[in-house]
N, C-alpha and C. Protein backbone atom coordinates (compact mmCIF):
# COMPACT_ATOMS: atom_id res chain seq x y z
N MET A 1 66.87 -35.81 -53.42
CA MET A 1 67.73 -35.33 -52.41
C MET A 1 69.08 -36.28 -52.58
N SER A 2 70.19 -35.69 -52.53
CA SER A 2 71.50 -36.45 -52.69
C SER A 2 72.43 -35.68 -51.85
N PHE A 3 73.35 -36.39 -51.28
CA PHE A 3 74.41 -35.98 -50.52
C PHE A 3 75.89 -36.65 -50.76
N VAL A 4 76.86 -35.91 -50.21
CA VAL A 4 78.27 -36.65 -50.09
C VAL A 4 78.28 -37.23 -49.11
N GLY A 5 78.61 -38.39 -48.73
CA GLY A 5 78.55 -39.32 -47.61
C GLY A 5 77.16 -39.60 -47.09
N LYS A 6 77.17 -39.78 -45.92
CA LYS A 6 75.83 -40.37 -45.29
C LYS A 6 75.71 -39.57 -43.72
N PRO A 7 75.02 -38.43 -43.79
CA PRO A 7 74.83 -37.87 -42.66
C PRO A 7 73.99 -38.69 -41.53
N SER A 8 74.12 -38.22 -40.28
CA SER A 8 73.29 -39.06 -39.23
C SER A 8 71.92 -38.54 -39.06
N LEU A 9 71.71 -37.15 -39.36
CA LEU A 9 70.45 -36.70 -39.20
C LEU A 9 70.00 -35.77 -40.32
N LEU A 10 68.97 -35.82 -40.84
CA LEU A 10 68.40 -35.10 -41.90
C LEU A 10 67.31 -34.29 -41.55
N ASN A 11 67.35 -32.87 -41.46
CA ASN A 11 66.15 -32.17 -41.03
C ASN A 11 65.43 -31.95 -42.36
N VAL A 12 64.34 -32.38 -42.40
CA VAL A 12 63.57 -32.12 -43.64
C VAL A 12 62.37 -31.22 -43.21
N ARG A 13 61.96 -30.34 -44.17
CA ARG A 13 60.83 -29.70 -44.03
C ARG A 13 59.85 -30.56 -43.79
N PRO A 14 58.57 -30.44 -42.88
CA PRO A 14 57.53 -31.32 -42.51
C PRO A 14 56.93 -31.58 -44.14
N MET A 15 56.63 -32.85 -44.41
CA MET A 15 56.17 -33.08 -45.69
C MET A 15 55.02 -34.19 -45.40
N ARG A 16 53.86 -34.09 -45.99
CA ARG A 16 52.73 -35.08 -45.98
C ARG A 16 53.16 -36.11 -46.81
N ALA A 17 53.10 -37.43 -46.22
CA ALA A 17 53.57 -38.60 -47.01
C ALA A 17 52.42 -39.72 -47.09
N THR A 18 52.12 -40.23 -48.17
CA THR A 18 51.41 -41.56 -47.96
C THR A 18 52.42 -42.73 -47.41
N ILE A 19 51.86 -43.44 -46.31
CA ILE A 19 52.64 -44.45 -45.66
C ILE A 19 52.02 -45.77 -45.84
N GLN A 20 52.83 -46.71 -46.05
CA GLN A 20 52.55 -48.25 -46.13
C GLN A 20 53.60 -48.84 -45.52
N CYS A 21 53.27 -50.27 -44.86
CA CYS A 21 54.33 -51.13 -44.41
C CYS A 21 54.73 -52.00 -45.67
N ASN A 22 56.00 -52.19 -45.78
CA ASN A 22 56.45 -53.02 -47.04
C ASN A 22 56.07 -54.54 -46.45
N PRO A 23 56.34 -55.51 -47.20
CA PRO A 23 56.17 -57.09 -46.69
C PRO A 23 57.00 -57.58 -45.48
N HIS A 24 58.21 -56.77 -45.45
CA HIS A 24 59.09 -57.20 -44.36
C HIS A 24 58.83 -56.31 -42.95
N ALA A 25 57.95 -55.71 -42.84
CA ALA A 25 57.58 -54.77 -41.75
C ALA A 25 57.55 -55.74 -40.59
N SER A 26 57.93 -55.24 -39.50
CA SER A 26 57.78 -55.83 -38.01
C SER A 26 56.28 -55.53 -37.68
N ARG A 27 55.87 -56.26 -36.65
CA ARG A 27 54.57 -55.98 -36.26
C ARG A 27 54.28 -54.62 -35.43
N ARG A 28 55.42 -54.42 -34.92
CA ARG A 28 55.49 -52.87 -34.26
C ARG A 28 55.31 -51.86 -35.30
N THR A 29 55.97 -51.81 -36.49
CA THR A 29 55.66 -50.79 -37.42
C THR A 29 54.26 -50.88 -38.00
N GLU A 30 53.81 -52.31 -38.30
CA GLU A 30 52.52 -52.31 -38.88
C GLU A 30 51.39 -51.77 -37.99
N ASN A 31 51.70 -51.91 -36.69
CA ASN A 31 50.62 -51.25 -35.62
C ASN A 31 50.61 -50.02 -35.39
N ARG A 32 51.89 -49.47 -35.41
CA ARG A 32 51.81 -47.98 -35.51
C ARG A 32 51.26 -47.27 -36.76
N VAL A 33 51.58 -47.81 -38.06
CA VAL A 33 50.82 -47.19 -39.00
C VAL A 33 49.34 -47.73 -39.00
N LYS A 34 48.84 -48.67 -38.68
CA LYS A 34 47.57 -48.92 -38.65
C LYS A 34 46.75 -48.25 -37.63
N GLU A 35 47.27 -47.70 -36.38
CA GLU A 35 46.77 -47.16 -35.46
C GLU A 35 46.76 -45.64 -35.47
N ASN A 36 47.79 -45.19 -36.10
CA ASN A 36 47.87 -43.72 -36.32
C ASN A 36 47.70 -43.14 -37.81
N ALA A 37 47.67 -43.96 -38.78
CA ALA A 37 47.69 -43.22 -40.06
C ALA A 37 46.40 -43.97 -40.83
N PRO A 38 45.42 -44.00 -40.06
CA PRO A 38 44.04 -44.73 -40.84
C PRO A 38 43.66 -44.36 -42.14
N ASP A 39 44.08 -43.17 -42.47
CA ASP A 39 43.74 -42.52 -43.79
C ASP A 39 44.93 -42.73 -44.86
N GLY A 40 46.00 -43.43 -44.19
CA GLY A 40 47.13 -43.70 -45.15
C GLY A 40 48.09 -42.57 -45.35
N TRP A 41 48.21 -41.47 -44.54
CA TRP A 41 49.36 -40.75 -44.57
C TRP A 41 49.44 -40.00 -43.14
N MET A 42 50.83 -39.40 -43.23
CA MET A 42 51.42 -38.92 -42.01
C MET A 42 52.60 -37.85 -42.40
N TRP A 43 53.05 -37.13 -41.56
CA TRP A 43 54.01 -36.04 -41.69
C TRP A 43 55.35 -36.52 -41.55
N VAL A 44 56.25 -36.32 -42.50
CA VAL A 44 57.62 -36.90 -42.27
C VAL A 44 58.25 -35.49 -41.86
N GLU A 45 58.90 -35.56 -40.62
CA GLU A 45 59.55 -34.61 -39.99
C GLU A 45 61.24 -34.58 -40.12
N LYS A 46 61.70 -35.64 -39.84
CA LYS A 46 63.18 -35.99 -39.70
C LYS A 46 63.69 -37.32 -40.01
N VAL A 47 64.85 -37.53 -40.52
CA VAL A 47 65.22 -38.79 -40.91
C VAL A 47 66.78 -38.94 -40.18
N SER A 48 66.96 -39.95 -39.50
CA SER A 48 68.13 -40.16 -38.70
C SER A 48 68.62 -41.64 -38.65
N ASN A 49 69.80 -41.88 -38.42
CA ASN A 49 70.20 -43.29 -38.04
C ASN A 49 71.12 -43.40 -36.78
N THR A 50 70.55 -42.47 -35.85
CA THR A 50 71.05 -42.49 -34.48
C THR A 50 70.25 -42.70 -33.41
N ILE A 51 69.02 -43.37 -33.65
CA ILE A 51 68.04 -43.40 -32.68
C ILE A 51 68.40 -44.38 -31.66
N ASP A 52 68.45 -44.08 -30.47
CA ASP A 52 68.74 -44.83 -29.20
C ASP A 52 67.65 -45.85 -28.66
N ILE A 53 67.17 -46.56 -29.59
CA ILE A 53 66.03 -47.39 -29.03
C ILE A 53 66.49 -48.86 -29.74
N ASP A 54 66.44 -49.84 -28.89
CA ASP A 54 67.24 -51.24 -29.30
C ASP A 54 66.65 -51.59 -30.61
N GLN A 55 65.35 -51.73 -31.00
CA GLN A 55 65.14 -52.52 -32.19
C GLN A 55 65.38 -51.50 -33.56
N LEU A 56 65.78 -50.14 -33.29
CA LEU A 56 66.05 -49.15 -34.15
C LEU A 56 67.53 -48.69 -34.20
N SER A 57 68.29 -49.01 -33.48
CA SER A 57 69.53 -48.59 -33.24
C SER A 57 70.39 -48.92 -34.55
N GLY A 58 71.16 -47.96 -35.22
CA GLY A 58 71.96 -48.06 -36.23
C GLY A 58 71.09 -47.95 -37.63
N ARG A 59 69.93 -48.12 -37.62
CA ARG A 59 69.16 -48.15 -38.77
C ARG A 59 68.59 -46.72 -39.06
N TRP A 60 68.26 -46.69 -40.43
CA TRP A 60 67.73 -45.24 -40.99
C TRP A 60 66.37 -45.29 -40.39
N CYS A 61 65.81 -44.15 -39.87
CA CYS A 61 64.35 -44.09 -39.42
C CYS A 61 63.87 -42.82 -39.83
N VAL A 62 62.67 -42.81 -39.75
CA VAL A 62 61.91 -41.30 -40.10
C VAL A 62 60.96 -40.97 -38.78
N LEU A 63 60.94 -39.68 -38.43
CA LEU A 63 60.20 -39.30 -37.31
C LEU A 63 58.93 -38.94 -38.21
N VAL A 64 57.91 -39.62 -37.79
CA VAL A 64 56.55 -39.21 -38.42
C VAL A 64 55.44 -38.70 -37.30
N SER A 65 54.62 -38.13 -37.96
CA SER A 65 53.57 -37.55 -36.80
C SER A 65 52.22 -37.62 -37.37
N ALA A 66 51.22 -37.93 -36.63
CA ALA A 66 49.86 -37.76 -37.17
C ALA A 66 49.19 -36.45 -36.49
N GLY A 67 48.69 -35.72 -37.20
CA GLY A 67 48.20 -34.38 -36.59
C GLY A 67 48.69 -33.18 -37.52
N GLU A 68 49.00 -32.04 -36.47
CA GLU A 68 49.59 -30.99 -37.24
C GLU A 68 51.05 -31.03 -37.11
N ALA A 69 51.50 -31.03 -38.33
CA ALA A 69 53.27 -31.08 -38.41
C ALA A 69 53.70 -30.00 -37.59
N GLY A 70 54.92 -30.50 -36.70
CA GLY A 70 55.80 -29.59 -35.97
C GLY A 70 55.17 -28.89 -34.61
N THR A 71 53.84 -29.39 -34.37
CA THR A 71 53.14 -28.77 -33.29
C THR A 71 53.34 -29.67 -31.92
N GLY A 72 53.78 -30.93 -32.20
CA GLY A 72 53.85 -31.72 -31.01
C GLY A 72 52.29 -32.27 -30.60
N ARG A 73 51.37 -31.87 -31.26
CA ARG A 73 50.07 -32.50 -30.87
C ARG A 73 49.83 -33.75 -32.01
N GLY A 74 49.31 -34.67 -31.29
CA GLY A 74 48.96 -36.03 -32.02
C GLY A 74 50.11 -36.94 -31.50
N TRP A 75 49.99 -38.10 -32.21
CA TRP A 75 51.04 -39.22 -31.99
C TRP A 75 52.17 -38.76 -33.18
N PHE A 76 53.22 -38.92 -32.46
CA PHE A 76 54.59 -38.97 -33.27
C PHE A 76 55.37 -40.05 -32.77
N GLY A 77 56.44 -40.56 -33.62
CA GLY A 77 57.35 -41.44 -33.31
C GLY A 77 58.11 -41.97 -34.49
N TRP A 78 59.30 -42.50 -34.02
CA TRP A 78 60.26 -42.97 -35.03
C TRP A 78 59.92 -44.47 -35.81
N LEU A 79 60.11 -44.44 -37.14
CA LEU A 79 59.53 -45.77 -37.60
C LEU A 79 60.94 -46.08 -38.46
N PRO A 80 61.04 -47.50 -38.76
CA PRO A 80 62.21 -47.76 -39.54
C PRO A 80 62.06 -47.51 -41.10
N LEU A 81 62.84 -46.65 -41.60
CA LEU A 81 62.56 -46.42 -43.24
C LEU A 81 62.67 -47.80 -44.06
N ASP A 82 63.38 -48.78 -43.73
CA ASP A 82 63.50 -50.11 -44.49
C ASP A 82 62.35 -50.92 -44.35
N GLU A 83 61.46 -50.42 -43.44
CA GLU A 83 60.04 -51.25 -43.40
C GLU A 83 58.75 -50.55 -44.07
N LEU A 84 59.16 -49.26 -44.53
CA LEU A 84 58.20 -48.58 -45.01
C LEU A 84 58.29 -48.19 -46.43
N ILE A 85 56.98 -47.76 -47.22
CA ILE A 85 56.94 -47.49 -48.61
C ILE A 85 56.19 -46.16 -48.24
N LEU A 86 57.36 -44.97 -48.46
CA LEU A 86 56.66 -43.61 -48.43
C LEU A 86 56.46 -42.82 -49.65
N LYS A 87 55.74 -42.30 -49.84
CA LYS A 87 55.29 -41.34 -51.22
C LYS A 87 55.14 -40.06 -51.11
N ILE A 88 55.69 -39.21 -51.56
CA ILE A 88 55.46 -37.83 -51.75
C ILE A 88 54.86 -37.52 -53.06
N ASN A 89 53.92 -36.82 -53.19
CA ASN A 89 53.27 -36.35 -54.39
C ASN A 89 53.48 -37.59 -55.43
N GLY A 90 53.06 -38.66 -54.95
CA GLY A 90 52.73 -39.91 -55.67
C GLY A 90 54.06 -40.67 -55.92
N LYS A 91 55.16 -40.09 -55.86
CA LYS A 91 56.51 -40.76 -56.04
C LYS A 91 57.05 -41.41 -54.74
N ILE A 92 57.67 -42.61 -54.85
CA ILE A 92 58.35 -43.08 -53.96
C ILE A 92 59.50 -42.41 -53.33
N TRP A 93 59.56 -41.96 -52.12
CA TRP A 93 60.65 -41.10 -51.44
C TRP A 93 61.50 -42.03 -50.50
N ASN A 94 62.61 -42.13 -50.82
CA ASN A 94 63.72 -42.62 -49.95
C ASN A 94 65.06 -41.77 -49.82
N PRO A 95 65.13 -40.76 -48.73
CA PRO A 95 66.33 -39.73 -48.85
C PRO A 95 67.55 -40.40 -48.79
N VAL A 96 67.81 -41.59 -48.18
CA VAL A 96 69.03 -42.22 -48.15
C VAL A 96 69.54 -43.23 -49.08
N THR A 97 68.90 -43.25 -50.19
CA THR A 97 69.45 -44.31 -51.18
C THR A 97 70.18 -43.44 -52.32
């Protein structure tokens, strides 16, 4: 995926992604992944850098969910993209680089 400029919100079609924390991940991110992706995958639903949560403010984040994508069932939340390793179809995925 490539763009001209850097949009503040990217709506992506829900994609199943394997998810891992990188070595610089915060305890918050590590806990969310450990608690909600015990089998190592989540749905990626949106990407944004306008999240109004103190520790995420101004950072690129992904809205991920565990359960059925787009249904609001199960856990969902914003995680910082720079603390994660996401893979789609076995390839590292980062929509903002």
